[in-house]
Amino acid sequence: VKGSVAATAGRRLWTGIGSMLRAACERNRSRRMLAELDDRLLRDV
């Protein structure tokens, strides 16, 4: 039932899973970009 404890817990669960997946995708994207940097740019960071 909308507004019930179970519904609220379910939304929190899916929101948490979505946040974790977005963070994992962002880490993956950042790591791919890092691997594409040349040695000069790697030295800069």
All heavy atoms as atom14 arrays in JSON, in Angstrom:
{
  "sequence": "VKGSVAATAGRRLWTGIGSMLRAACERNRSRRMLAELDDRLLRDV",
  "atom14_mask": [
    [1, 1, 1, 1, 1, 1, 1, 0, 0, 0, 0, 0, 0, 0],
    [1, 1, 1, 1, 1, 1, 1, 1, 1, 0, 0, 0, 0, 0],
    [1, 1, 1, 1, 0, 0, 0, 0, 0, 0, 0, 0, 0, 0],
    [1, 1, 1, 1, 1, 1, 0, 0, 0, 0, 0, 0, 0, 0],
    [1, 1, 1, 1, 1, 1, 1, 0, 0, 0, 0, 0, 0, 0],
    [1, 1, 1, 1, 1, 0, 0, 0, 0, 0, 0, 0, 0, 0],
    [1, 1, 1, 1, 1, 0, 0, 0, 0, 0, 0, 0, 0, 0],
    [1, 1, 1, 1, 1, 1, 1, 0, 0, 0, 0, 0, 0, 0],
    [1, 1, 1, 1, 1, 0, 0, 0, 0, 0, 0, 0, 0, 0],
    [1, 1, 1, 1, 0, 0, 0, 0, 0, 0, 0, 0, 0, 0],
    [1, 1, 1, 1, 1, 1, 1, 1, 1, 1, 1, 0, 0, 0],
    [1, 1, 1, 1, 1, 1, 1, 1, 1, 1, 1, 0, 0, 0],
    [1, 1, 1, 1, 1, 1, 1, 1, 0, 0, 0, 0, 0, 0],
    [1, 1, 1, 1, 1, 1, 1, 1, 1, 1, 1, 1, 1, 1],
    [1, 1, 1, 1, 1, 1, 1, 0, 0, 0, 0, 0, 0, 0],
    [1, 1, 1, 1, 0, 0, 0, 0, 0, 0, 0, 0, 0, 0],
    [1, 1, 1, 1, 1, 1, 1, 1, 0, 0, 0, 0, 0, 0],
    [1, 1, 1, 1, 0, 0, 0, 0, 0, 0, 0, 0, 0, 0],
    [1, 1, 1, 1, 1, 1, 0, 0, 0, 0, 0, 0, 0, 0],
    [1, 1, 1, 1, 1, 1, 1, 1, 0, 0, 0, 0, 0, 0],
    [1, 1, 1, 1, 1, 1, 1, 1, 0, 0, 0, 0, 0, 0],
    [1, 1, 1, 1, 1, 1, 1, 1, 1, 1, 1, 0, 0, 0],
    [1, 1, 1, 1, 1, 0, 0, 0, 0, 0, 0, 0, 0, 0],
    [1, 1, 1, 1, 1, 0, 0, 0, 0, 0, 0, 0, 0, 0],
    [1, 1, 1, 1, 1, 1, 0, 0, 0, 0, 0, 0, 0, 0],
    [1, 1, 1, 1, 1, 1, 1, 1, 1, 0, 0, 0, 0, 0],
    [1, 1, 1, 1, 1, 1, 1, 1, 1, 1, 1, 0, 0, 0],
    [1, 1, 1, 1, 1, 1, 1, 1, 0, 0, 0, 0, 0, 0],
    [1, 1, 1, 1, 1, 1, 1, 1, 1, 1, 1, 0, 0, 0],
    [1, 1, 1, 1, 1, 1, 0, 0, 0, 0, 0, 0, 0, 0],
    [1, 1, 1, 1, 1, 1, 1, 1, 1, 1, 1, 0, 0, 0],
    [1, 1, 1, 1, 1, 1, 1, 1, 1, 1, 1, 0, 0, 0],
    [1, 1, 1, 1, 1, 1, 1, 1, 0, 0, 0, 0, 0, 0],
    [1, 1, 1, 1, 1, 1, 1, 1, 0, 0, 0, 0, 0, 0],
    [1, 1, 1, 1, 1, 0, 0, 0, 0, 0, 0, 0, 0, 0],
    [1, 1, 1, 1, 1, 1, 1, 1, 1, 0, 0, 0, 0, 0],
    [1, 1, 1, 1, 1, 1, 1, 1, 0, 0, 0, 0, 0, 0],
    [1, 1, 1, 1, 1, 1, 1, 1, 0, 0, 0, 0, 0, 0],
    [1, 1, 1, 1, 1, 1, 1, 1, 0, 0, 0, 0, 0, 0],
    [1, 1, 1, 1, 1, 1, 1, 1, 1, 1, 1, 0, 0, 0],
    [1, 1, 1, 1, 1, 1, 1, 1, 0, 0, 0, 0, 0, 0],
    [1, 1, 1, 1, 1, 1, 1, 1, 0, 0, 0, 0, 0, 0],
    [1, 1, 1, 1, 1, 1, 1, 1, 1, 1, 1, 0, 0, 0],
    [1, 1, 1, 1, 1, 1, 1, 1, 0, 0, 0, 0, 0, 0],
    [1, 1, 1, 1, 1, 1, 1, 0, 0, 0, 0, 0, 0, 0]
  ],
  "atom14_positions": [
    [[0.85, -1.18, 0.0], [0.0, 0.0, 0.0], [0.89, 1.23, 0.0], [1.88, 1.3, 0.73], [-0.91, 0.0, 1.25], [-1.75, 1.26, 1.31], [-1.78, -1.24, 1.27], [0.0, 0.0, 0.0], [0.0, 0.0, 0.0], [0.0, 0.0, 0.0], [0.0, 0.0, 0.0], [0.0, 0.0, 0.0], [0.0, 0.0, 0.0], [0.0, 0.0, 0.0]],
    [[0.54, 2.21, -0.83], [1.33, 3.43, -0.91], [1.42, 4.07, 0.47], [0.42, 4.23, 1.16], [0.69, 4.41, -1.89], [1.51, 5.65, -2.11], [0.9, 6.55, -3.15], [1.77, 7.76, -3.34], [1.25, 8.64, -4.36], [0.0, 0.0, 0.0], [0.0, 0.0, 0.0], [0.0, 0.0, 0.0], [0.0, 0.0, 0.0], [0.0, 0.0, 0.0]],
    [[2.65, 4.41, 0.87], [2.86, 5.03, 2.16], [3.09, 4.03, 3.27], [3.39, 4.41, 4.39], [0.0, 0.0, 0.0], [0.0, 0.0, 0.0], [0.0, 0.0, 0.0], [0.0, 0.0, 0.0], [0.0, 0.0, 0.0], [0.0, 0.0, 0.0], [0.0, 0.0, 0.0], [0.0, 0.0, 0.0], [0.0, 0.0, 0.0], [0.0, 0.0, 0.0]],
    [[2.96, 2.74, 2.97], [3.18, 1.73, 4.0], [4.67, 1.58, 4.27], [5.52, 2.02, 3.49], [2.58, 0.39, 3.58], [3.36, -0.19, 2.55], [0.0, 0.0, 0.0], [0.0, 0.0, 0.0], [0.0, 0.0, 0.0], [0.0, 0.0, 0.0], [0.0, 0.0, 0.0], [0.0, 0.0, 0.0], [0.0, 0.0, 0.0], [0.0, 0.0, 0.0]],
    [[4.98, 0.93, 5.37], [6.39, 0.69, 5.73], [7.07, -0.14, 4.66], [8.2, 0.15, 4.26], [6.48, 0.0, 7.11], [7.9, -0.4, 7.43], [5.92, 0.91, 8.19], [0.0, 0.0, 0.0], [0.0, 0.0, 0.0], [0.0, 0.0, 0.0], [0.0, 0.0, 0.0], [0.0, 0.0, 0.0], [0.0, 0.0, 0.0], [0.0, 0.0, 0.0]],
    [[6.37, -1.17, 4.14], [6.96, -2.02, 3.1], [7.23, -1.24, 1.82], [8.27, -1.41, 1.19], [6.03, -3.2, 2.82], [0.0, 0.0, 0.0], [0.0, 0.0, 0.0], [0.0, 0.0, 0.0], [0.0, 0.0, 0.0], [0.0, 0.0, 0.0], [0.0, 0.0, 0.0], [0.0, 0.0, 0.0], [0.0, 0.0, 0.0], [0.0, 0.0, 0.0]],
    [[6.3, -0.38, 1.43], [6.49, 0.41, 0.21], [7.67, 1.36, 0.37], [8.49, 1.52, -0.53], [5.22, 1.19, -0.13], [0.0, 0.0, 0.0], [0.0, 0.0, 0.0], [0.0, 0.0, 0.0], [0.0, 0.0, 0.0], [0.0, 0.0, 0.0], [0.0, 0.0, 0.0], [0.0, 0.0, 0.0], [0.0, 0.0, 0.0], [0.0, 0.0, 0.0]],
    [[7.76, 1.99, 1.54], [8.85, 2.92, 1.8], [10.19, 2.19, 1.8], [11.17, 2.65, 1.2], [8.65, 3.64, 3.15], [7.4, 4.32, 3.1], [9.76, 4.61, 3.43], [0.0, 0.0, 0.0], [0.0, 0.0, 0.0], [0.0, 0.0, 0.0], [0.0, 0.0, 0.0], [0.0, 0.0, 0.0], [0.0, 0.0, 0.0], [0.0, 0.0, 0.0]],
    [[10.24, 1.02, 2.42], [11.48, 0.23, 2.46], [11.85, -0.22, 1.05], [13.04, -0.21, 0.68], [11.29, -0.98, 3.37], [0.0, 0.0, 0.0], [0.0, 0.0, 0.0], [0.0, 0.0, 0.0], [0.0, 0.0, 0.0], [0.0, 0.0, 0.0], [0.0, 0.0, 0.0], [0.0, 0.0, 0.0], [0.0, 0.0, 0.0], [0.0, 0.0, 0.0]],
    [[10.86, -0.59, 0.24], [11.13, -1.01, -1.13], [11.71, 0.13, -1.96], [12.66, -0.06, -2.73], [0.0, 0.0, 0.0], [0.0, 0.0, 0.0], [0.0, 0.0, 0.0], [0.0, 0.0, 0.0], [0.0, 0.0, 0.0], [0.0, 0.0, 0.0], [0.0, 0.0, 0.0], [0.0, 0.0, 0.0], [0.0, 0.0, 0.0], [0.0, 0.0, 0.0]],
    [[11.14, 1.32, -1.8], [11.68, 2.48, -2.54], [13.11, 2.78, -2.11], [13.95, 3.08, -2.94], [10.79, 3.7, -2.31], [9.57, 3.74, -3.19], [8.89, 5.09, -3.16], [8.47, 5.5, -1.83], [7.34, 5.14, -1.25], [6.5, 4.36, -1.88], [7.03, 5.57, -0.04], [0.0, 0.0, 0.0], [0.0, 0.0, 0.0], [0.0, 0.0, 0.0]],
    [[13.36, 2.71, -0.81], [14.73, 2.96, -0.32], [15.7, 1.93, -0.87], [16.83, 2.27, -1.24], [14.76, 2.93, 1.2], [14.17, 4.15, 1.83], [14.33, 4.11, 3.33], [13.66, 5.22, 3.94], [13.17, 5.21, 5.16], [13.3, 4.14, 5.91], [12.56, 6.26, 5.64], [0.0, 0.0, 0.0], [0.0, 0.0, 0.0], [0.0, 0.0, 0.0]],
    [[15.27, 0.67, -0.91], [16.13, -0.38, -1.44], [16.49, -0.1, -2.89], [17.67, -0.12, -3.26], [15.44, -1.74, -1.32], [16.17, -2.91, -1.97], [17.47, -3.19, -1.22], [15.29, -4.14, -1.99], [0.0, 0.0, 0.0], [0.0, 0.0, 0.0], [0.0, 0.0, 0.0], [0.0, 0.0, 0.0], [0.0, 0.0, 0.0], [0.0, 0.0, 0.0]],
    [[15.48, 0.17, -3.72], [15.74, 0.43, -5.15], [16.53, 1.71, -5.36], [17.37, 1.79, -6.25], [14.45, 0.44, -5.95], [13.92, -0.95, -6.12], [12.8, -1.47, -5.55], [14.52, -2.01, -6.86], [12.66, -2.8, -5.91], [13.7, -3.15, -6.71], [15.67, -2.12, -7.63], [14.0, -4.38, -7.31], [15.96, -3.33, -8.23], [15.14, -4.44, -8.06]],
    [[16.29, 2.71, -4.54], [17.06, 3.95, -4.64], [18.52, 3.68, -4.31], [19.42, 4.16, -4.99], [16.48, 5.02, -3.69], [15.14, 5.27, -4.07], [17.28, 6.3, -3.74], [0.0, 0.0, 0.0], [0.0, 0.0, 0.0], [0.0, 0.0, 0.0], [0.0, 0.0, 0.0], [0.0, 0.0, 0.0], [0.0, 0.0, 0.0], [0.0, 0.0, 0.0]],
    [[18.76, 2.89, -3.26], [20.13, 2.54, -2.88], [20.84, 1.73, -3.95], [22.01, 1.98, -4.26], [0.0, 0.0, 0.0], [0.0, 0.0, 0.0], [0.0, 0.0, 0.0], [0.0, 0.0, 0.0], [0.0, 0.0, 0.0], [0.0, 0.0, 0.0], [0.0, 0.0, 0.0], [0.0, 0.0, 0.0], [0.0, 0.0, 0.0], [0.0, 0.0, 0.0]],
    [[20.14, 0.78, -4.52], [20.72, -0.03, -5.59], [21.05, 0.85, -6.79], [22.12, 0.73, -7.39], [19.78, -1.19, -5.99], [19.72, -2.22, -4.85], [20.22, -1.84, -7.29], [18.66, -3.28, -5.04], [0.0, 0.0, 0.0], [0.0, 0.0, 0.0], [0.0, 0.0, 0.0], [0.0, 0.0, 0.0], [0.0, 0.0, 0.0], [0.0, 0.0, 0.0]],
    [[20.14, 1.74, -7.13], [20.38, 2.66, -8.26], [21.59, 3.54, -8.01], [22.41, 3.75, -8.9], [0.0, 0.0, 0.0], [0.0, 0.0, 0.0], [0.0, 0.0, 0.0], [0.0, 0.0, 0.0], [0.0, 0.0, 0.0], [0.0, 0.0, 0.0], [0.0, 0.0, 0.0], [0.0, 0.0, 0.0], [0.0, 0.0, 0.0], [0.0, 0.0, 0.0]],
    [[21.72, 4.04, -6.79], [22.87, 4.88, -6.44], [24.17, 4.11, -6.55], [25.18, 4.62, -7.06], [22.74, 5.43, -5.02], [21.63, 6.29, -4.93], [0.0, 0.0, 0.0], [0.0, 0.0, 0.0], [0.0, 0.0, 0.0], [0.0, 0.0, 0.0], [0.0, 0.0, 0.0], [0.0, 0.0, 0.0], [0.0, 0.0, 0.0], [0.0, 0.0, 0.0]],
    [[24.16, 2.86, -6.08], [25.37, 2.03, -6.15], [25.75, 1.75, -7.61], [26.93, 1.79, -7.96], [25.17, 0.73, -5.38], [25.14, 0.93, -3.89], [24.9, -0.53, -2.83], [24.63, -1.88, -3.91], [0.0, 0.0, 0.0], [0.0, 0.0, 0.0], [0.0, 0.0, 0.0], [0.0, 0.0, 0.0], [0.0, 0.0, 0.0], [0.0, 0.0, 0.0]],
    [[24.76, 1.47, -8.44], [25.04, 1.2, -9.85], [25.58, 2.44, -10.56], [26.51, 2.35, -11.37], [23.79, 0.68, -10.56], [23.39, -0.75, -10.23], [22.06, -1.09, -10.87], [24.47, -1.72, -10.67], [0.0, 0.0, 0.0], [0.0, 0.0, 0.0], [0.0, 0.0, 0.0], [0.0, 0.0, 0.0], [0.0, 0.0, 0.0], [0.0, 0.0, 0.0]],
    [[25.0, 3.6, -10.26], [25.5, 4.84, -10.88], [26.94, 5.1, -10.45], [27.77, 5.49, -11.28], [24.6, 6.02, -10.49], [23.35, 6.11, -11.33], [22.58, 7.41, -11.09], [22.11, 7.54, -9.72], [21.01, 6.98, -9.24], [20.27, 6.24, -10.03], [20.64, 7.15, -8.0], [0.0, 0.0, 0.0], [0.0, 0.0, 0.0], [0.0, 0.0, 0.0]],
    [[27.26, 4.89, -9.18], [28.62, 5.1, -8.69], [29.59, 4.12, -9.36], [30.7, 4.51, -9.75], [28.68, 4.95, -7.18], [0.0, 0.0, 0.0], [0.0, 0.0, 0.0], [0.0, 0.0, 0.0], [0.0, 0.0, 0.0], [0.0, 0.0, 0.0], [0.0, 0.0, 0.0], [0.0, 0.0, 0.0], [0.0, 0.0, 0.0], [0.0, 0.0, 0.0]],
    [[29.18, 2.86, -9.51], [30.03, 1.87, -10.16], [30.28, 2.23, -11.62], [31.41, 2.11, -12.12], [29.4, 0.48, -10.06], [0.0, 0.0, 0.0], [0.0, 0.0, 0.0], [0.0, 0.0, 0.0], [0.0, 0.0, 0.0], [0.0, 0.0, 0.0], [0.0, 0.0, 0.0], [0.0, 0.0, 0.0], [0.0, 0.0, 0.0], [0.0, 0.0, 0.0]],
    [[29.26, 2.7, -12.31], [29.41, 3.12, -13.71], [30.35, 4.32, -13.82], [31.17, 4.4, -14.73], [28.06, 3.44, -14.34], [27.06, 1.98, -14.65], [0.0, 0.0, 0.0], [0.0, 0.0, 0.0], [0.0, 0.0, 0.0], [0.0, 0.0, 0.0], [0.0, 0.0, 0.0], [0.0, 0.0, 0.0], [0.0, 0.0, 0.0], [0.0, 0.0, 0.0]],
    [[30.22, 5.26, -12.9], [31.08, 6.44, -12.9], [32.54, 6.05, -12.64], [33.45, 6.55, -13.3], [30.6, 7.45, -11.86], [31.45, 8.7, -11.78], [31.48, 9.52, -13.07], [30.54, 9.42, -13.87], [32.47, 10.24, -13.28], [0.0, 0.0, 0.0], [0.0, 0.0, 0.0], [0.0, 0.0, 0.0], [0.0, 0.0, 0.0], [0.0, 0.0, 0.0]],
    [[32.77, 5.14, -11.68], [34.14, 4.67, -11.43], [34.72, 3.99, -12.67], [35.87, 4.22, -13.04], [34.16, 3.68, -10.25], [34.17, 4.32, -8.9], [34.48, 3.3, -7.81], [33.56, 2.17, -7.79], [32.42, 2.15, -7.13], [32.03, 3.19, -6.43], [31.65, 1.08, -7.16], [0.0, 0.0, 0.0], [0.0, 0.0, 0.0], [0.0, 0.0, 0.0]],
    [[33.9, 3.16, -13.31], [34.34, 2.46, -14.51], [34.7, 3.45, -15.62], [35.73, 3.31, -16.28], [33.24, 1.49, -14.97], [33.72, 0.54, -16.01], [34.85, 0.09, -15.99], [32.84, 0.21, -16.94], [0.0, 0.0, 0.0], [0.0, 0.0, 0.0], [0.0, 0.0, 0.0], [0.0, 0.0, 0.0], [0.0, 0.0, 0.0], [0.0, 0.0, 0.0]],
    [[33.86, 4.46, -15.81], [34.12, 5.47, -16.84], [35.4, 6.26, -16.53], [36.24, 6.47, -17.41], [32.94, 6.44, -16.93], [33.04, 7.44, -18.07], [31.86, 8.39, -18.07], [31.9, 9.33, -16.97], [32.64, 10.44, -16.98], [33.38, 10.73, -18.0], [32.61, 11.24, -15.95], [0.0, 0.0, 0.0], [0.0, 0.0, 0.0], [0.0, 0.0, 0.0]],
    [[35.58, 6.63, -15.28], [36.78, 7.37, -14.88], [38.04, 6.55, -15.09], [39.07, 7.06, -15.53], [36.68, 7.79, -13.41], [35.61, 8.66, -13.21], [0.0, 0.0, 0.0], [0.0, 0.0, 0.0], [0.0, 0.0, 0.0], [0.0, 0.0, 0.0], [0.0, 0.0, 0.0], [0.0, 0.0, 0.0], [0.0, 0.0, 0.0], [0.0, 0.0, 0.0]],
    [[37.96, 5.27, -14.76], [39.13, 4.4, -14.94], [39.47, 4.21, -16.41], [40.65, 4.16, -16.77], [38.86, 3.06, -14.26], [38.89, 3.18, -12.76], [38.5, 1.9, -12.09], [38.59, 2.05, -10.64], [37.95, 1.32, -9.78], [37.15, 0.34, -10.2], [38.08, 1.52, -8.49], [0.0, 0.0, 0.0], [0.0, 0.0, 0.0], [0.0, 0.0, 0.0]],
    [[38.46, 4.11, -17.25], [38.73, 4.0, -18.69], [39.4, 5.27, -19.21], [40.33, 5.21, -20.01], [37.45, 3.74, -19.47], [37.03, 2.28, -19.45], [35.84, 2.0, -20.34], [34.63, 2.44, -19.65], [33.75, 3.31, -20.15], [33.93, 3.83, -21.33], [32.69, 3.66, -19.45], [0.0, 0.0, 0.0], [0.0, 0.0, 0.0], [0.0, 0.0, 0.0]],
    [[38.92, 6.42, -18.76], [39.52, 7.69, -19.18], [40.96, 7.8, -18.68], [41.85, 8.27, -19.41], [38.69, 8.86, -18.67], [37.33, 8.97, -19.35], [36.26, 10.22, -18.63], [37.19, 11.7, -18.97], [0.0, 0.0, 0.0], [0.0, 0.0, 0.0], [0.0, 0.0, 0.0], [0.0, 0.0, 0.0], [0.0, 0.0, 0.0], [0.0, 0.0, 0.0]],
    [[41.21, 7.37, -17.46], [42.56, 7.4, -16.89], [43.51, 6.53, -17.72], [44.65, 6.93, -17.99], [42.52, 6.9, -15.45], [43.82, 6.93, -14.66], [44.27, 8.37, -14.45], [43.63, 6.25, -13.32], [0.0, 0.0, 0.0], [0.0, 0.0, 0.0], [0.0, 0.0, 0.0], [0.0, 0.0, 0.0], [0.0, 0.0, 0.0], [0.0, 0.0, 0.0]],
    [[43.03, 5.37, -18.14], [43.87, 4.47, -18.94], [44.22, 5.06, -20.3], [45.23, 4.69, -20.9], [43.17, 3.13, -19.11], [0.0, 0.0, 0.0], [0.0, 0.0, 0.0], [0.0, 0.0, 0.0], [0.0, 0.0, 0.0], [0.0, 0.0, 0.0], [0.0, 0.0, 0.0], [0.0, 0.0, 0.0], [0.0, 0.0, 0.0], [0.0, 0.0, 0.0]],
    [[43.41, 5.99, -20.79], [43.64, 6.58, -22.1], [44.6, 7.78, -22.06], [45.02, 8.27, -23.11], [42.32, 7.0, -22.72], [41.42, 5.82, -23.06], [40.04, 6.25, -23.52], [39.79, 7.47, -23.59], [39.23, 5.36, -23.8], [0.0, 0.0, 0.0], [0.0, 0.0, 0.0], [0.0, 0.0, 0.0], [0.0, 0.0, 0.0], [0.0, 0.0, 0.0]],
    [[44.94, 8.27, -20.87], [45.84, 9.42, -20.77], [47.25, 9.04, -21.19], [47.7, 7.92, -20.95], [45.87, 9.94, -19.32], [44.58, 10.52, -18.76], [44.79, 10.96, -17.32], [44.09, 11.68, -19.61], [0.0, 0.0, 0.0], [0.0, 0.0, 0.0], [0.0, 0.0, 0.0], [0.0, 0.0, 0.0], [0.0, 0.0, 0.0], [0.0, 0.0, 0.0]],
    [[47.94, 9.99, -21.81], [49.34, 9.72, -22.17], [50.22, 9.93, -20.93], [49.77, 10.42, -19.9], [49.79, 10.58, -23.35], [49.73, 12.07, -23.08], [49.79, 12.47, -21.91], [49.65, 12.85, -24.05], [0.0, 0.0, 0.0], [0.0, 0.0, 0.0], [0.0, 0.0, 0.0], [0.0, 0.0, 0.0], [0.0, 0.0, 0.0], [0.0, 0.0, 0.0]],
    [[51.49, 9.55, -21.05], [52.4, 9.59, -19.9], [52.59, 11.01, -19.35], [52.71, 11.19, -18.14], [53.76, 9.0, -20.28], [53.67, 7.48, -20.49], [52.75, 6.86, -19.9], [54.51, 6.93, -21.23], [0.0, 0.0, 0.0], [0.0, 0.0, 0.0], [0.0, 0.0, 0.0], [0.0, 0.0, 0.0], [0.0, 0.0, 0.0], [0.0, 0.0, 0.0]],
    [[52.58, 12.0, -20.21], [52.75, 13.38, -19.75], [51.58, 13.8, -18.85], [51.77, 14.38, -17.78], [52.86, 14.33, -20.95], [53.07, 15.8, -20.57], [53.03, 16.72, -21.78], [51.77, 16.67, -22.51], [50.66, 17.33, -22.16], [50.64, 18.08, -21.1], [49.56, 17.24, -22.89], [0.0, 0.0, 0.0], [0.0, 0.0, 0.0], [0.0, 0.0, 0.0]],
    [[50.37, 13.49, -19.29], [49.19, 13.84, -18.49], [49.13, 13.04, -17.19], [48.71, 13.55, -16.15], [47.92, 13.64, -19.29], [47.71, 14.64, -20.43], [46.51, 14.25, -21.28], [47.55, 16.04, -19.89], [0.0, 0.0, 0.0], [0.0, 0.0, 0.0], [0.0, 0.0, 0.0], [0.0, 0.0, 0.0], [0.0, 0.0, 0.0], [0.0, 0.0, 0.0]],
    [[49.56, 11.77, -17.24], [49.61, 10.98, -16.01], [50.59, 11.6, -15.01], [50.32, 11.64, -13.81], [50.0, 9.53, -16.31], [48.92, 8.67, -16.96], [49.47, 7.33, -17.39], [47.74, 8.5, -16.02], [0.0, 0.0, 0.0], [0.0, 0.0, 0.0], [0.0, 0.0, 0.0], [0.0, 0.0, 0.0], [0.0, 0.0, 0.0], [0.0, 0.0, 0.0]],
    [[51.74, 12.08, -15.51], [52.7, 12.75, -14.63], [52.08, 13.99, -14.0], [52.29, 14.29, -12.83], [53.97, 13.14, -15.4], [55.04, 12.08, -15.43], [56.38, 12.62, -15.9], [56.3, 13.47, -17.1], [56.35, 13.02, -18.35], [56.48, 11.74, -18.6], [56.27, 13.86, -19.36], [0.0, 0.0, 0.0], [0.0, 0.0, 0.0], [0.0, 0.0, 0.0]],
    [[51.28, 14.71, -14.8], [50.62, 15.91, -14.29], [49.69, 15.61, -13.11], [49.55, 16.43, -12.2], [49.81, 16.6, -15.39], [50.68, 17.35, -16.38], [51.89, 17.52, -16.11], [50.14, 17.77, -17.42], [0.0, 0.0, 0.0], [0.0, 0.0, 0.0], [0.0, 0.0, 0.0], [0.0, 0.0, 0.0], [0.0, 0.0, 0.0], [0.0, 0.0, 0.0]],
    [[49.06, 14.44, -13.12], [48.17, 14.09, -12.01], [48.88, 13.25, -10.96], [48.28, 12.84, -9.97], [46.89, 13.36, -12.5], [46.04, 14.27, -13.34], [47.21, 12.08, -13.22], [0.0, 0.0, 0.0], [0.0, 0.0, 0.0], [0.0, 0.0, 0.0], [0.0, 0.0, 0.0], [0.0, 0.0, 0.0], [0.0, 0.0, 0.0], [0.0, 0.0, 0.0]]
  ]
}
